[in-house]
Amino acid sequence: MEKIVMLLIPVLLLFVLMRVIMLPIRVIWKLFVNSACGFVCLWLLNWISGFTGILFPVNTVTTLIAGFLGLPGIGLLALVQMLL
């Protein structure tokens, strides 16, 4: 029984350690995917800007806003673009 417990403790510690390490990786991956989607949306909107007349600058801040907030974020960017 002692041998089983001696093997079980390091396995459980390794499991807990892997869970702690994987959490920030998931957050970083989600940030990357959302930013990529925001970049694609801004690129498509700039591609059709001849019809709409609104040109969005594609940089880190606008990409993150479009990625995090989605369609409301793009609307917010359009509102800021019109006010400035």
N, C-alpha and C. Protein backbone atom coordinates (compact mmCIF):
# COMPACT_ATOMS: atom_id res chain seq x y z
N MET A 1 0.82 -1.19 0.00
CA MET A 1 0.00 0.00 0.00
C MET A 1 0.87 1.26 0.00
N GLU A 2 1.98 1.20 0.73
CA GLU A 2 2.88 2.37 0.78
C GLU A 2 3.47 2.67 -0.59
N LYS A 3 3.76 1.63 -1.36
CA LYS A 3 4.33 1.83 -2.69
C LYS A 3 3.34 2.52 -3.62
N ILE A 4 2.09 2.17 -3.49
CA ILE A 4 1.06 2.79 -4.32
C ILE A 4 0.93 4.27 -3.96
N VAL A 5 0.93 4.59 -2.69
CA VAL A 5 0.83 5.98 -2.24
C VAL A 5 2.07 6.75 -2.68
N MET A 6 3.23 6.11 -2.58
CA MET A 6 4.49 6.77 -2.99
C MET A 6 4.49 7.07 -4.49
N LEU A 7 3.83 6.27 -5.29
CA LEU A 7 3.73 6.52 -6.72
C LEU A 7 2.60 7.48 -7.05
N LEU A 8 1.55 7.44 -6.26
CA LEU A 8 0.38 8.26 -6.53
C LEU A 8 0.63 9.75 -6.25
N ILE A 9 1.39 10.07 -5.23
CA ILE A 9 1.64 11.47 -4.87
C ILE A 9 2.38 12.22 -5.97
N PRO A 10 3.49 11.70 -6.53
CA PRO A 10 4.14 12.44 -7.62
C PRO A 10 3.27 12.56 -8.87
N VAL A 11 2.47 11.53 -9.15
CA VAL A 11 1.58 11.59 -10.30
C VAL A 11 0.54 12.68 -10.11
N LEU A 12 -0.03 12.79 -8.93
CA LEU A 12 -1.01 13.84 -8.65
C LEU A 12 -0.37 15.23 -8.68
N LEU A 13 0.84 15.35 -8.16
CA LEU A 13 1.55 16.63 -8.21
C LEU A 13 1.85 17.03 -9.66
N LEU A 14 2.23 16.07 -10.48
CA LEU A 14 2.49 16.34 -11.89
C LEU A 14 1.21 16.77 -12.59
N PHE A 15 0.11 16.13 -12.27
CA PHE A 15 -1.18 16.50 -12.85
C PHE A 15 -1.57 17.93 -12.48
N VAL A 16 -1.42 18.28 -11.22
CA VAL A 16 -1.75 19.64 -10.76
C VAL A 16 -0.82 20.66 -11.43
N LEU A 17 0.45 20.33 -11.54
CA LEU A 17 1.41 21.23 -12.19
C LEU A 17 1.06 21.46 -13.66
N MET A 18 0.67 20.41 -14.34
CA MET A 18 0.29 20.54 -15.75
C MET A 18 -0.97 21.39 -15.91
N ARG A 19 -1.91 21.25 -15.00
CA ARG A 19 -3.13 22.08 -15.06
C ARG A 19 -2.80 23.55 -14.85
N VAL A 20 -1.88 23.84 -13.94
CA VAL A 20 -1.48 25.22 -13.67
C VAL A 20 -0.74 25.81 -14.87
N ILE A 21 0.08 25.02 -15.52
CA ILE A 21 0.84 25.50 -16.68
C ILE A 21 -0.07 25.68 -17.89
N MET A 22 -1.04 24.81 -18.09
CA MET A 22 -1.89 24.87 -19.27
C MET A 22 -2.86 26.04 -19.26
N LEU A 23 -3.23 26.56 -18.11
CA LEU A 23 -4.18 27.67 -18.05
C LEU A 23 -3.67 28.91 -18.76
N PRO A 24 -2.43 29.39 -18.49
CA PRO A 24 -1.97 30.57 -19.23
C PRO A 24 -1.80 30.30 -20.72
N ILE A 25 -1.46 29.07 -21.09
CA ILE A 25 -1.31 28.75 -22.51
C ILE A 25 -2.65 28.86 -23.21
N ARG A 26 -3.72 28.43 -22.56
CA ARG A 26 -5.06 28.56 -23.14
C ARG A 26 -5.44 30.02 -23.31
N VAL A 27 -5.11 30.85 -22.35
CA VAL A 27 -5.43 32.27 -22.43
C VAL A 27 -4.66 32.92 -23.57
N ILE A 28 -3.38 32.60 -23.69
CA ILE A 28 -2.56 33.15 -24.77
C ILE A 28 -3.07 32.67 -26.11
N TRP A 29 -3.44 31.39 -26.22
CA TRP A 29 -3.97 30.86 -27.48
C TRP A 29 -5.27 31.56 -27.85
N LYS A 30 -6.16 31.77 -26.88
CA LYS A 30 -7.43 32.45 -27.16
C LYS A 30 -7.18 33.89 -27.60
N LEU A 31 -6.23 34.56 -26.97
CA LEU A 31 -5.86 35.91 -27.37
C LEU A 31 -5.35 35.92 -28.81
N PHE A 32 -4.53 34.95 -29.16
CA PHE A 32 -4.00 34.86 -30.52
C PHE A 32 -5.11 34.62 -31.54
N VAL A 33 -6.00 33.70 -31.26
CA VAL A 33 -7.08 33.38 -32.21
C VAL A 33 -8.03 34.57 -32.36
N ASN A 34 -8.40 35.22 -31.26
CA ASN A 34 -9.28 36.38 -31.34
C ASN A 34 -8.61 37.53 -32.08
N SER A 35 -7.32 37.73 -31.88
CA SER A 35 -6.61 38.79 -32.59
C SER A 35 -6.55 38.49 -34.08
N ALA A 36 -6.35 37.23 -34.43
CA ALA A 36 -6.32 36.85 -35.85
C ALA A 36 -7.68 37.09 -36.50
N CYS A 37 -8.74 36.76 -35.79
CA CYS A 37 -10.09 37.01 -36.33
C CYS A 37 -10.35 38.52 -36.46
N GLY A 38 -9.92 39.29 -35.49
CA GLY A 38 -10.06 40.74 -35.57
C GLY A 38 -9.28 41.33 -36.72
N PHE A 39 -8.07 40.81 -36.96
CA PHE A 39 -7.26 41.27 -38.08
C PHE A 39 -7.95 40.97 -39.41
N VAL A 40 -8.49 39.78 -39.54
CA VAL A 40 -9.18 39.40 -40.79
C VAL A 40 -10.40 40.29 -41.00
N CYS A 41 -11.16 40.54 -39.95
CA CYS A 41 -12.34 41.41 -40.08
C CYS A 41 -11.95 42.82 -40.50
N LEU A 42 -10.91 43.37 -39.88
CA LEU A 42 -10.47 44.72 -40.25
C LEU A 42 -9.92 44.75 -41.68
N TRP A 43 -9.22 43.71 -42.08
CA TRP A 43 -8.69 43.65 -43.44
C TRP A 43 -9.83 43.61 -44.45
N LEU A 44 -10.86 42.80 -44.17
CA LEU A 44 -12.00 42.72 -45.07
C LEU A 44 -12.75 44.05 -45.14
N LEU A 45 -12.90 44.71 -44.01
CA LEU A 45 -13.58 46.02 -44.01
C LEU A 45 -12.77 47.06 -44.76
N ASN A 46 -11.45 47.01 -44.65
CA ASN A 46 -10.61 47.94 -45.41
C ASN A 46 -10.64 47.61 -46.89
N TRP A 47 -10.83 46.35 -47.22
CA TRP A 47 -10.88 45.93 -48.62
C TRP A 47 -12.14 46.49 -49.30
N ILE A 48 -13.24 46.58 -48.55
CA ILE A 48 -14.47 47.13 -49.12
C ILE A 48 -14.66 48.60 -48.74
N SER A 49 -13.60 49.27 -48.31
CA SER A 49 -13.73 50.66 -47.87
C SER A 49 -14.07 51.60 -49.02
N GLY A 50 -13.88 51.19 -50.25
CA GLY A 50 -14.29 52.01 -51.37
C GLY A 50 -15.79 52.21 -51.40
N PHE A 51 -16.53 51.23 -50.92
CA PHE A 51 -17.99 51.33 -50.88
C PHE A 51 -18.47 52.03 -49.62
N THR A 52 -17.79 51.79 -48.49
CA THR A 52 -18.25 52.34 -47.22
C THR A 52 -17.65 53.70 -46.90
N GLY A 53 -16.45 53.97 -47.36
CA GLY A 53 -15.78 55.23 -47.08
C GLY A 53 -15.08 55.28 -45.74
N ILE A 54 -15.12 54.21 -44.99
CA ILE A 54 -14.47 54.16 -43.68
C ILE A 54 -13.25 53.27 -43.78
N LEU A 55 -12.10 53.82 -43.43
CA LEU A 55 -10.86 53.08 -43.48
C LEU A 55 -10.32 52.93 -42.06
N PHE A 56 -10.15 51.70 -41.62
CA PHE A 56 -9.66 51.43 -40.27
C PHE A 56 -8.15 51.21 -40.31
N PRO A 57 -7.41 51.84 -39.42
CA PRO A 57 -5.98 51.51 -39.33
C PRO A 57 -5.82 50.12 -38.72
N VAL A 58 -4.99 49.31 -39.34
CA VAL A 58 -4.78 47.95 -38.82
C VAL A 58 -3.48 47.97 -38.02
N ASN A 59 -3.64 48.03 -36.70
CA ASN A 59 -2.48 47.97 -35.81
C ASN A 59 -2.85 47.09 -34.62
N THR A 60 -1.97 47.00 -33.67
CA THR A 60 -2.18 46.09 -32.54
C THR A 60 -3.43 46.46 -31.74
N VAL A 61 -3.62 47.73 -31.48
CA VAL A 61 -4.75 48.15 -30.64
C VAL A 61 -6.08 47.88 -31.34
N THR A 62 -6.21 48.27 -32.59
CA THR A 62 -7.47 48.06 -33.29
C THR A 62 -7.74 46.57 -33.51
N THR A 63 -6.69 45.80 -33.75
CA THR A 63 -6.86 44.37 -33.92
C THR A 63 -7.34 43.72 -32.64
N LEU A 64 -6.77 44.11 -31.49
CA LEU A 64 -7.20 43.55 -30.21
C LEU A 64 -8.62 43.97 -29.86
N ILE A 65 -8.98 45.22 -30.17
CA ILE A 65 -10.35 45.69 -29.90
C ILE A 65 -11.34 44.89 -30.74
N ALA A 66 -11.04 44.73 -32.02
CA ALA A 66 -11.94 43.97 -32.89
C ALA A 66 -11.97 42.49 -32.49
N GLY A 67 -10.85 41.96 -32.03
CA GLY A 67 -10.81 40.57 -31.62
C GLY A 67 -11.54 40.30 -30.32
N PHE A 68 -11.36 41.17 -29.33
CA PHE A 68 -12.01 40.97 -28.03
C PHE A 68 -13.49 41.28 -28.07
N LEU A 69 -13.85 42.39 -28.66
CA LEU A 69 -15.24 42.83 -28.61
C LEU A 69 -16.08 42.37 -29.78
N GLY A 70 -15.46 41.90 -30.85
CA GLY A 70 -16.19 41.40 -32.00
C GLY A 70 -16.87 42.53 -32.77
N LEU A 71 -18.09 42.29 -33.20
CA LEU A 71 -18.84 43.26 -33.98
C LEU A 71 -19.09 44.57 -33.21
N PRO A 72 -19.42 44.54 -31.92
CA PRO A 72 -19.53 45.81 -31.20
C PRO A 72 -18.21 46.58 -31.15
N GLY A 73 -17.10 45.88 -31.12
CA GLY A 73 -15.80 46.54 -31.15
C GLY A 73 -15.54 47.24 -32.47
N ILE A 74 -15.94 46.61 -33.55
CA ILE A 74 -15.79 47.24 -34.87
C ILE A 74 -16.71 48.45 -34.98
N GLY A 75 -17.91 48.32 -34.41
CA GLY A 75 -18.82 49.49 -34.37
C GLY A 75 -18.23 50.62 -33.55
N LEU A 76 -17.59 50.28 -32.44
CA LEU A 76 -16.92 51.29 -31.61
C LEU A 76 -15.78 51.96 -32.37
N LEU A 77 -15.01 51.18 -33.11
CA LEU A 77 -13.94 51.75 -33.93
C LEU A 77 -14.50 52.68 -35.00
N ALA A 78 -15.63 52.29 -35.61
CA ALA A 78 -16.26 53.14 -36.62
C ALA A 78 -16.76 54.44 -36.00
N LEU A 79 -17.33 54.36 -34.80
CA LEU A 79 -17.80 55.55 -34.11
C LEU A 79 -16.65 56.49 -33.78
N VAL A 80 -15.56 55.95 -33.29
CA VAL A 80 -14.39 56.77 -32.98
C VAL A 80 -13.82 57.37 -34.25
N GLN A 81 -13.82 56.59 -35.34
CA GLN A 81 -13.32 57.10 -36.63
C GLN A 81 -14.18 58.27 -37.11
N MET A 82 -15.48 58.19 -36.94
CA MET A 82 -16.39 59.27 -37.39
C MET A 82 -16.24 60.51 -36.52
N LEU A 83 -16.03 60.31 -35.20
CA LEU A 83 -15.92 61.45 -34.31
C LEU A 83 -14.58 62.19 -34.45
N LEU A 84 -13.55 61.48 -34.82
CA LEU A 84 -12.25 62.13 -34.98
C LEU A 84 -12.11 62.60 -36.35
